[in-house]
Amino acid sequence: MVTGTPVTHDQNSPFPFRVTATCPDGTTLTGGGWRATPSDVLGVSSEYPDAGATTWTVELLPSFNATGTSTATVTAYALCLPTS
C-alpha cells in the first residue's frame, strides 16, 4: 500500500479539492481509499483511478455533518501490485 502526502484543508478554502496516491514504477494500481481526520468535516465527491492505472484520486467536498472544527487532514491510499 502506498500512502499519499497528507493534505490539510480549511473549509473556507475552495472546493472540491483533491488528494492523490501514486504507485511506484513496476506496479499497477488495483484500488485505493482515503482517510480524513477529523472524519466528519469532509465527504467524498468521487474517487477514481487514472487512465494509466498508477494514481488513485479522491475529490472531497465539505460535509453537512461537520461539528465545530473547520479543518481536516486528508490522506489518499493506493493499493499496488507488481506488474509481470
PDB file of N, CA and C in Angstrom:
ATOM      1  N   MET A   1       0.839  -1.173   0.000  1.00  0.00           N
ATOM      2  CA  MET A   1       0.000   0.000   0.000  1.00  0.00           C
ATOM      3  C   MET A   1       0.888   1.242   0.000  1.00  0.00           C
ATOM      4  N   VAL A   2       0.511   2.221  -0.800  1.00  0.00           N
ATOM      5  CA  VAL A   2       1.230   3.488  -0.892  1.00  0.00           C
ATOM      6  C   VAL A   2       0.392   4.553  -0.197  1.00  0.00           C
ATOM      7  N   THR A   3       1.042   5.343   0.648  1.00  0.00           N
ATOM      8  CA  THR A   3       0.378   6.445   1.334  1.00  0.00           C
ATOM      9  C   THR A   3       0.735   7.746   0.640  1.00  0.00           C
ATOM     10  N   GLY A   4      -0.291   8.488   0.211  1.00  0.00           N
ATOM     11  CA  GLY A   4      -0.065   9.786  -0.404  1.00  0.00           C
ATOM     12  C   GLY A   4       0.345  10.809   0.645  1.00  0.00           C
ATOM     13  N   THR A   5       0.724  11.980   0.210  1.00  0.00           N
ATOM     14  CA  THR A   5       1.099  13.063   1.108  1.00  0.00           C
ATOM     15  C   THR A   5      -0.153  13.614   1.789  1.00  0.00           C
ATOM     16  N   PRO A   6      -0.184  13.632   3.127  1.00  0.00           N
ATOM     17  CA  PRO A   6      -1.355  14.207   3.809  1.00  0.00           C
ATOM     18  C   PRO A   6      -1.522  15.685   3.462  1.00  0.00           C
ATOM     19  N   VAL A   7      -2.774  16.096   3.272  1.00  0.00           N
ATOM     20  CA  VAL A   7      -3.095  17.475   2.934  1.00  0.00           C
ATOM     21  C   VAL A   7      -4.082  18.008   3.974  1.00  0.00           C
ATOM     22  N   THR A   8      -3.785  19.182   4.525  1.00  0.00           N
ATOM     23  CA  THR A   8      -4.714  19.822   5.453  1.00  0.00           C
ATOM     24  C   THR A   8      -5.510  20.869   4.685  1.00  0.00           C
ATOM     25  N   HIS A   9      -6.833  20.810   4.851  1.00  0.00           N
ATOM     26  CA  HIS A   9      -7.723  21.688   4.097  1.00  0.00           C
ATOM     27  C   HIS A   9      -8.664  22.400   5.048  1.00  0.00           C
ATOM     28  N   ASP A  10      -8.837  23.681   4.834  1.00  0.00           N
ATOM     29  CA  ASP A  10      -9.755  24.505   5.616  1.00  0.00           C
ATOM     30  C   ASP A  10     -11.068  24.609   4.853  1.00  0.00           C
ATOM     31  N   GLN A  11     -12.192  24.523   5.558  1.00  0.00           N
ATOM     32  CA  GLN A  11     -13.485  24.583   4.873  1.00  0.00           C
ATOM     33  C   GLN A  11     -13.751  25.922   4.204  1.00  0.00           C
ATOM     34  N   ASN A  12     -12.957  26.940   4.515  1.00  0.00           N
ATOM     35  CA  ASN A  12     -13.106  28.228   3.845  1.00  0.00           C
ATOM     36  C   ASN A  12     -12.318  28.286   2.539  1.00  0.00           C
ATOM     37  N   SER A  13     -11.547  27.257   2.243  1.00  0.00           N
ATOM     38  CA  SER A  13     -10.779  27.181   1.001  1.00  0.00           C
ATOM     39  C   SER A  13     -11.667  26.630  -0.107  1.00  0.00           C
ATOM     40  N   PRO A  14     -11.244  26.770  -1.370  1.00  0.00           N
ATOM     41  CA  PRO A  14     -12.071  26.304  -2.493  1.00  0.00           C
ATOM     42  C   PRO A  14     -12.333  24.789  -2.453  1.00  0.00           C
ATOM     43  N   PHE A  15     -13.512  24.410  -2.893  1.00  0.00           N
ATOM     44  CA  PHE A  15     -13.913  23.009  -3.045  1.00  0.00           C
ATOM     45  C   PHE A  15     -14.335  22.792  -4.483  1.00  0.00           C
ATOM     46  N   PRO A  16     -14.373  21.590  -5.039  1.00  0.00           N
ATOM     47  CA  PRO A  16     -13.791  20.413  -4.411  1.00  0.00           C
ATOM     48  C   PRO A  16     -12.269  20.503  -4.406  1.00  0.00           C
ATOM     49  N   PHE A  17     -11.656  19.719  -3.541  1.00  0.00           N
ATOM     50  CA  PHE A  17     -10.206  19.623  -3.568  1.00  0.00           C
ATOM     51  C   PHE A  17      -9.820  18.164  -3.681  1.00  0.00           C
ATOM     52  N   ARG A  18      -8.587  17.920  -4.129  1.00  0.00           N
ATOM     53  CA  ARG A  18      -8.147  16.557  -4.456  1.00  0.00           C
ATOM     54  C   ARG A  18      -6.928  16.154  -3.648  1.00  0.00           C
ATOM     55  N   VAL A  19      -6.884  14.860  -3.322  1.00  0.00           N
ATOM     56  CA  VAL A  19      -5.681  14.244  -2.774  1.00  0.00           C
ATOM     57  C   VAL A  19      -5.397  13.011  -3.623  1.00  0.00           C
ATOM     58  N   THR A  20      -4.128  12.654  -3.748  1.00  0.00           N
ATOM     59  CA  THR A  20      -3.748  11.525  -4.596  1.00  0.00           C
ATOM     60  C   THR A  20      -2.700  10.652  -3.921  1.00  0.00           C
ATOM     61  N   ALA A  21      -2.620   9.425  -4.390  1.00  0.00           N
ATOM     62  CA  ALA A  21      -1.547   8.492  -4.035  1.00  0.00           C
ATOM     63  C   ALA A  21      -1.149   7.788  -5.324  1.00  0.00           C
ATOM     64  N   THR A  22       0.150   7.670  -5.574  1.00  0.00           N
ATOM     65  CA  THR A  22       0.648   7.122  -6.833  1.00  0.00           C
ATOM     66  C   THR A  22       1.502   5.894  -6.592  1.00  0.00           C
ATOM     67  N   CYS A  23       1.228   4.845  -7.359  1.00  0.00           N
ATOM     68  CA  CYS A  23       2.009   3.611  -7.279  1.00  0.00           C
ATOM     69  C   CYS A  23       3.405   3.833  -7.865  1.00  0.00           C
ATOM     70  N   PRO A  24       4.414   3.157  -7.312  1.00  0.00           N
ATOM     71  CA  PRO A  24       5.765   3.289  -7.861  1.00  0.00           C
ATOM     72  C   PRO A  24       5.888   2.563  -9.206  1.00  0.00           C
ATOM     73  N   ASP A  25       6.941   2.883  -9.945  1.00  0.00           N
ATOM     74  CA  ASP A  25       7.231   2.193 -11.205  1.00  0.00           C
ATOM     75  C   ASP A  25       7.299   0.690 -10.953  1.00  0.00           C
ATOM     76  N   GLY A  26       6.849  -0.067 -11.933  1.00  0.00           N
ATOM     77  CA  GLY A  26       6.882  -1.519 -11.825  1.00  0.00           C
ATOM     78  C   GLY A  26       5.692  -2.112 -11.098  1.00  0.00           C
ATOM     79  N   THR A  27       4.696  -1.261 -10.762  1.00  0.00           N
ATOM     80  CA  THR A  27       3.480  -1.746 -10.109  1.00  0.00           C
ATOM     81  C   THR A  27       2.259  -1.214 -10.832  1.00  0.00           C
ATOM     82  N   THR A  28       1.116  -1.839 -10.570  1.00  0.00           N
ATOM     83  CA  THR A  28      -0.155  -1.431 -11.146  1.00  0.00           C
ATOM     84  C   THR A  28      -1.143  -1.148 -10.028  1.00  0.00           C
ATOM     85  N   LEU A  29      -1.887  -0.102 -10.161  1.00  0.00           N
ATOM     86  CA  LEU A  29      -2.916   0.266  -9.204  1.00  0.00           C
ATOM     87  C   LEU A  29      -4.055  -0.748  -9.254  1.00  0.00           C
ATOM     88  N   THR A  30      -4.470  -1.256  -8.093  1.00  0.00           N
ATOM     89  CA  THR A  30      -5.598  -2.183  -8.033  1.00  0.00           C
ATOM     90  C   THR A  30      -6.777  -1.625  -7.249  1.00  0.00           C
ATOM     91  N   GLY A  31      -6.575  -0.506  -6.568  1.00  0.00           N
ATOM     92  CA  GLY A  31      -7.649   0.117  -5.793  1.00  0.00           C
ATOM     93  C   GLY A  31      -7.088   1.220  -4.939  1.00  0.00           C
ATOM     94  N   GLY A  32      -7.933   1.798  -4.128  1.00  0.00           N
ATOM     95  CA  GLY A  32      -7.471   2.872  -3.268  1.00  0.00           C
ATOM     96  C   GLY A  32      -8.516   3.285  -2.266  1.00  0.00           C
ATOM     97  N   GLY A  33      -8.175   4.292  -1.484  1.00  0.00           N
ATOM     98  CA  GLY A  33      -9.090   4.791  -0.474  1.00  0.00           C
ATOM     99  C   GLY A  33      -8.560   6.088   0.109  1.00  0.00           C
ATOM    100  N   TRP A  34      -9.130   6.497   1.218  1.00  0.00           N
ATOM    101  CA  TRP A  34      -8.738   7.758   1.840  1.00  0.00           C
ATOM    102  C   TRP A  34      -9.131   7.752   3.304  1.00  0.00           C
ATOM    103  N   ARG A  35      -8.545   8.707   4.051  1.00  0.00           N
ATOM    104  CA  ARG A  35      -8.879   8.884   5.453  1.00  0.00           C
ATOM    105  C   ARG A  35      -8.785  10.373   5.777  1.00  0.00           C
ATOM    106  N   ALA A  36      -9.777  10.883   6.503  1.00  0.00           N
ATOM    107  CA  ALA A  36      -9.778  12.274   6.949  1.00  0.00           C
ATOM    108  C   ALA A  36      -9.822  12.310   8.462  1.00  0.00           C
ATOM    109  N   THR A  37      -9.064  13.235   9.049  1.00  0.00           N
ATOM    110  CA  THR A  37      -9.074  13.422  10.492  1.00  0.00           C
ATOM    111  C   THR A  37      -9.274  14.897  10.772  1.00  0.00           C
ATOM    112  N   PRO A  38     -10.341  15.318  11.423  1.00  0.00           N
ATOM    113  CA  PRO A  38     -11.473  14.509  11.862  1.00  0.00           C
ATOM    114  C   PRO A  38     -12.309  14.050  10.672  1.00  0.00           C
ATOM    115  N   SER A  39     -13.053  12.994  10.865  1.00  0.00           N
ATOM    116  CA  SER A  39     -13.750  12.357   9.744  1.00  0.00           C
ATOM    117  C   SER A  39     -15.087  13.002   9.399  1.00  0.00           C
ATOM    118  N   ASP A  40     -15.620  13.881  10.237  1.00  0.00           N
ATOM    119  CA  ASP A  40     -16.949  14.437   9.952  1.00  0.00           C
ATOM    120  C   ASP A  40     -16.915  15.765   9.193  1.00  0.00           C
ATOM    121  N   VAL A  41     -15.730  16.262   8.853  1.00  0.00           N
ATOM    122  CA  VAL A  41     -15.606  17.578   8.217  1.00  0.00           C
ATOM    123  C   VAL A  41     -15.771  17.505   6.699  1.00  0.00           C
ATOM    124  N   LEU A  42     -15.391  16.386   6.088  1.00  0.00           N
ATOM    125  CA  LEU A  42     -15.404  16.256   4.630  1.00  0.00           C
ATOM    126  C   LEU A  42     -16.179  15.035   4.182  1.00  0.00           C
ATOM    127  N   GLY A  43     -16.663  15.097   2.953  1.00  0.00           N
ATOM    128  CA  GLY A  43     -17.300  13.953   2.321  1.00  0.00           C
ATOM    129  C   GLY A  43     -16.721  13.768   0.931  1.00  0.00           C
ATOM    130  N   VAL A  44     -16.798  12.554   0.416  1.00  0.00           N
ATOM    131  CA  VAL A  44     -16.241  12.248  -0.904  1.00  0.00           C
ATOM    132  C   VAL A  44     -17.221  12.663  -1.987  1.00  0.00           C
ATOM    133  N   SER A  45     -16.716  13.412  -2.950  1.00  0.00           N
ATOM    134  CA  SER A  45     -17.473  13.727  -4.147  1.00  0.00           C
ATOM    135  C   SER A  45     -17.302  12.590  -5.149  1.00  0.00           C
ATOM    136  N   SER A  46     -16.037  12.149  -5.321  1.00  0.00           N
ATOM    137  CA  SER A  46     -15.733  10.988  -6.162  1.00  0.00           C
ATOM    138  C   SER A  46     -14.328  10.497  -5.841  1.00  0.00           C
ATOM    139  N   GLU A  47     -14.064   9.257  -6.180  1.00  0.00           N
ATOM    140  CA  GLU A  47     -12.721   8.693  -6.092  1.00  0.00           C
ATOM    141  C   GLU A  47     -12.553   7.738  -7.253  1.00  0.00           C
ATOM    142  N   TYR A  48     -11.345   7.766  -7.857  1.00  0.00           N
ATOM    143  CA  TYR A  48     -11.179   7.041  -9.108  1.00  0.00           C
ATOM    144  C   TYR A  48      -9.703   6.841  -9.437  1.00  0.00           C
ATOM    145  N   PRO A  49      -9.413   5.816 -10.285  1.00  0.00           N
ATOM    146  CA  PRO A  49      -8.044   5.613 -10.782  1.00  0.00           C
ATOM    147  C   PRO A  49      -7.819   6.470 -12.022  1.00  0.00           C
ATOM    148  N   ASP A  50      -6.569   6.782 -12.320  1.00  0.00           N
ATOM    149  CA  ASP A  50      -6.266   7.466 -13.575  1.00  0.00           C
ATOM    150  C   ASP A  50      -6.271   6.438 -14.702  1.00  0.00           C
ATOM    151  N   ALA A  51      -6.222   6.907 -15.937  1.00  0.00           N
ATOM    152  CA  ALA A  51      -6.288   6.028 -17.109  1.00  0.00           C
ATOM    153  C   ALA A  51      -5.102   5.078 -17.193  1.00  0.00           C
ATOM    154  N   GLY A  52      -3.958   5.464 -16.634  1.00  0.00           N
ATOM    155  CA  GLY A  52      -2.770   4.626 -16.702  1.00  0.00           C
ATOM    156  C   GLY A  52      -2.643   3.630 -15.569  1.00  0.00           C
ATOM    157  N   ALA A  53      -3.652   3.568 -14.685  1.00  0.00           N
ATOM    158  CA  ALA A  53      -3.655   2.648 -13.541  1.00  0.00           C
ATOM    159  C   ALA A  53      -2.425   2.826 -12.656  1.00  0.00           C
ATOM    160  N   THR A  54      -2.097   4.095 -12.371  1.00  0.00           N
ATOM    161  CA  THR A  54      -0.972   4.365 -11.475  1.00  0.00           C
ATOM    162  C   THR A  54      -1.344   5.247 -10.292  1.00  0.00           C
ATOM    163  N   THR A  55      -2.381   6.086 -10.405  1.00  0.00           N
ATOM    164  CA  THR A  55      -2.710   7.053  -9.357  1.00  0.00           C
ATOM    165  C   THR A  55      -4.173   6.953  -8.933  1.00  0.00           C
ATOM    166  N   TRP A  56      -4.394   6.943  -7.613  1.00  0.00           N
ATOM    167  CA  TRP A  56      -5.741   6.986  -7.050  1.00  0.00           C
ATOM    168  C   TRP A  56      -6.020   8.430  -6.642  1.00  0.00           C
ATOM    169  N   THR A  57      -7.138   8.998  -7.101  1.00  0.00           N
ATOM    170  CA  THR A  57      -7.519  10.377  -6.807  1.00  0.00           C
ATOM    171  C   THR A  57      -8.818  10.392  -6.024  1.00  0.00           C
ATOM    172  N   VAL A  58      -8.870  11.256  -5.002  1.00  0.00           N
ATOM    173  CA  VAL A  58     -10.084  11.448  -4.208  1.00  0.00           C
ATOM    174  C   VAL A  58     -10.448  12.928  -4.266  1.00  0.00           C
ATOM    175  N   GLU A  59     -11.698  13.216  -4.639  1.00  0.00           N
ATOM    176  CA  GLU A  59     -12.206  14.585  -4.653  1.00  0.00           C
ATOM    177  C   GLU A  59     -13.161  14.737  -3.473  1.00  0.00           C
ATOM    178  N   LEU A  60     -12.949  15.781  -2.678  1.00  0.00           N
ATOM    179  CA  LEU A  60     -13.717  15.956  -1.455  1.00  0.00           C
ATOM    180  C   LEU A  60     -14.487  17.274  -1.435  1.00  0.00           C
ATOM    181  N   LEU A  61     -15.603  17.256  -0.703  1.00  0.00           N
ATOM    182  CA  LEU A  61     -16.466  18.415  -0.509  1.00  0.00           C
ATOM    183  C   LEU A  61     -16.690  18.604   0.992  1.00  0.00           C
ATOM    184  N   PRO A  62     -17.192  19.771   1.414  1.00  0.00           N
ATOM    185  CA  PRO A  62     -17.497  19.936   2.835  1.00  0.00           C
ATOM    186  C   PRO A  62     -18.652  19.028   3.234  1.00  0.00           C
ATOM    187  N   SER A  63     -18.641  18.577   4.468  1.00  0.00           N
ATOM    188  CA  SER A  63     -19.689  17.709   4.980  1.00  0.00           C
ATOM    189  C   SER A  63     -20.766  18.535   5.667  1.00  0.00           C
ATOM    190  N   PHE A  64     -21.997  18.118   5.514  1.00  0.00           N
ATOM    191  CA  PHE A  64     -23.088  18.777   6.217  1.00  0.00           C
ATOM    192  C   PHE A  64     -23.144  18.340   7.674  1.00  0.00           C
ATOM    193  N   ASN A  65     -22.341  17.326   8.037  1.00  0.00           N
ATOM    194  CA  ASN A  65     -22.314  16.809   9.404  1.00  0.00           C
ATOM    195  C   ASN A  65     -21.225  17.436  10.253  1.00  0.00           C
ATOM    196  N   ALA A  66     -20.473  18.379   9.711  1.00  0.00           N
ATOM    197  CA  ALA A  66     -19.344  18.967  10.433  1.00  0.00           C
ATOM    198  C   ALA A  66     -19.817  19.624  11.728  1.00  0.00           C
ATOM    199  N   THR A  67     -19.070  19.365  12.797  1.00  0.00           N
ATOM    200  CA  THR A  67     -19.419  19.939  14.094  1.00  0.00           C
ATOM    201  C   THR A  67     -18.194  20.572  14.719  1.00  0.00           C
ATOM    202  N   GLY A  68     -18.163  21.883  14.761  1.00  0.00           N
ATOM    203  CA  GLY A  68     -17.106  22.577  15.488  1.00  0.00           C
ATOM    204  C   GLY A  68     -15.866  22.915  14.694  1.00  0.00           C
ATOM    205  N   THR A  69     -15.146  21.942  14.220  1.00  0.00           N
ATOM    206  CA  THR A  69     -13.878  22.203  13.547  1.00  0.00           C
ATOM    207  C   THR A  69     -14.093  22.486  12.069  1.00  0.00           C
ATOM    208  N   SER A  70     -13.202  23.265  11.481  1.00  0.00           N
ATOM    209  CA  SER A  70     -13.366  23.597  10.072  1.00  0.00           C
ATOM    210  C   SER A  70     -12.190  23.125   9.223  1.00  0.00           C
ATOM    211  N   THR A  71     -11.222  22.427   9.816  1.00  0.00           N
ATOM    212  CA  THR A  71     -10.103  21.902   9.041  1.00  0.00           C
ATOM    213  C   THR A  71     -10.008  20.396   9.216  1.00  0.00           C
ATOM    214  N   ALA A  72      -9.448  19.753   8.202  1.00  0.00           N
ATOM    215  CA  ALA A  72      -9.232  18.316   8.252  1.00  0.00           C
ATOM    216  C   ALA A  72      -7.947  17.987   7.510  1.00  0.00           C
ATOM    217  N   THR A  73      -7.277  16.947   7.953  1.00  0.00           N
ATOM    218  CA  THR A  73      -6.119  16.429   7.248  1.00  0.00           C
ATOM    219  C   THR A  73      -6.552  15.158   6.531  1.00  0.00           C
ATOM    220  N   VAL A  74      -6.299  15.119   5.223  1.00  0.00           N
ATOM    221  CA  VAL A  74      -6.768  14.015   4.384  1.00  0.00           C
ATOM    222  C   VAL A  74      -5.577  13.322   3.746  1.00  0.00           C
ATOM    223  N   THR A  75      -5.632  11.986   3.728  1.00  0.00           N
ATOM    224  CA  THR A  75      -4.593  11.170   3.117  1.00  0.00           C
ATOM    225  C   THR A  75      -5.239  10.192   2.145  1.00  0.00           C
ATOM    226  N   ALA A  76      -4.691  10.078   0.938  1.00  0.00           N
ATOM    227  CA  ALA A  76      -5.141   9.084  -0.040  1.00  0.00           C
ATOM    228  C   ALA A  76      -4.220   7.870   0.038  1.00  0.00           C
ATOM    229  N   TYR A  77      -4.761   6.715  -0.288  1.00  0.00           N
ATOM    230  CA  TYR A  77      -4.012   5.458  -0.286  1.00  0.00           C
ATOM    231  C   TYR A  77      -4.197   4.764  -1.626  1.00  0.00           C
ATOM    232  N   ALA A  78      -3.129   4.152  -2.137  1.00  0.00           N
ATOM    233  CA  ALA A  78      -3.189   3.373  -3.370  1.00  0.00           C
ATOM    234  C   ALA A  78      -2.760   1.943  -3.072  1.00  0.00           C
ATOM    235  N   LEU A  79      -3.525   0.992  -3.564  1.00  0.00           N
ATOM    236  CA  LEU A  79      -3.161  -0.423  -3.448  1.00  0.00           C
ATOM    237  C   LEU A  79      -2.500  -0.829  -4.754  1.00  0.00           C
ATOM    238  N   CYS A  80      -1.253  -1.279  -4.666  1.00  0.00           N
ATOM    239  CA  CYS A  80      -0.447  -1.547  -5.855  1.00  0.00           C
ATOM    240  C   CYS A  80       0.073  -2.982  -5.834  1.00  0.00           C
ATOM    241  N   LEU A  81       0.103  -3.609  -6.997  1.00  0.00           N
ATOM    242  CA  LEU A  81       0.671  -4.947  -7.160  1.00  0.00           C
ATOM    243  C   LEU A  81       1.778  -4.895  -8.209  1.00  0.00           C
ATOM    244  N   PRO A  82       2.811  -5.725  -8.030  1.00  0.00           N
ATOM    245  CA  PRO A  82       3.875  -5.763  -9.042  1.00  0.00           C
ATOM    246  C   PRO A  82       3.321  -6.174 -10.401  1.00  0.00           C
ATOM    247  N   THR A  83       3.813  -5.536 -11.465  1.00  0.00           N
ATOM    248  CA  THR A  83       3.427  -5.933 -12.815  1.00  0.00           C
ATOM    249  C   THR A  83       4.289  -7.114 -13.237  1.00  0.00           C
ATOM    250  N   SER A  84       3.733  -7.962 -14.085  1.00  0.00           N
ATOM    251  CA  SER A  84       4.520  -9.129 -14.510  1.00  0.00           C
ATOM    252  C   SER A  84       4.987  -8.997 -15.927  1.00  0.00           C
TER     253      SER A  84
END
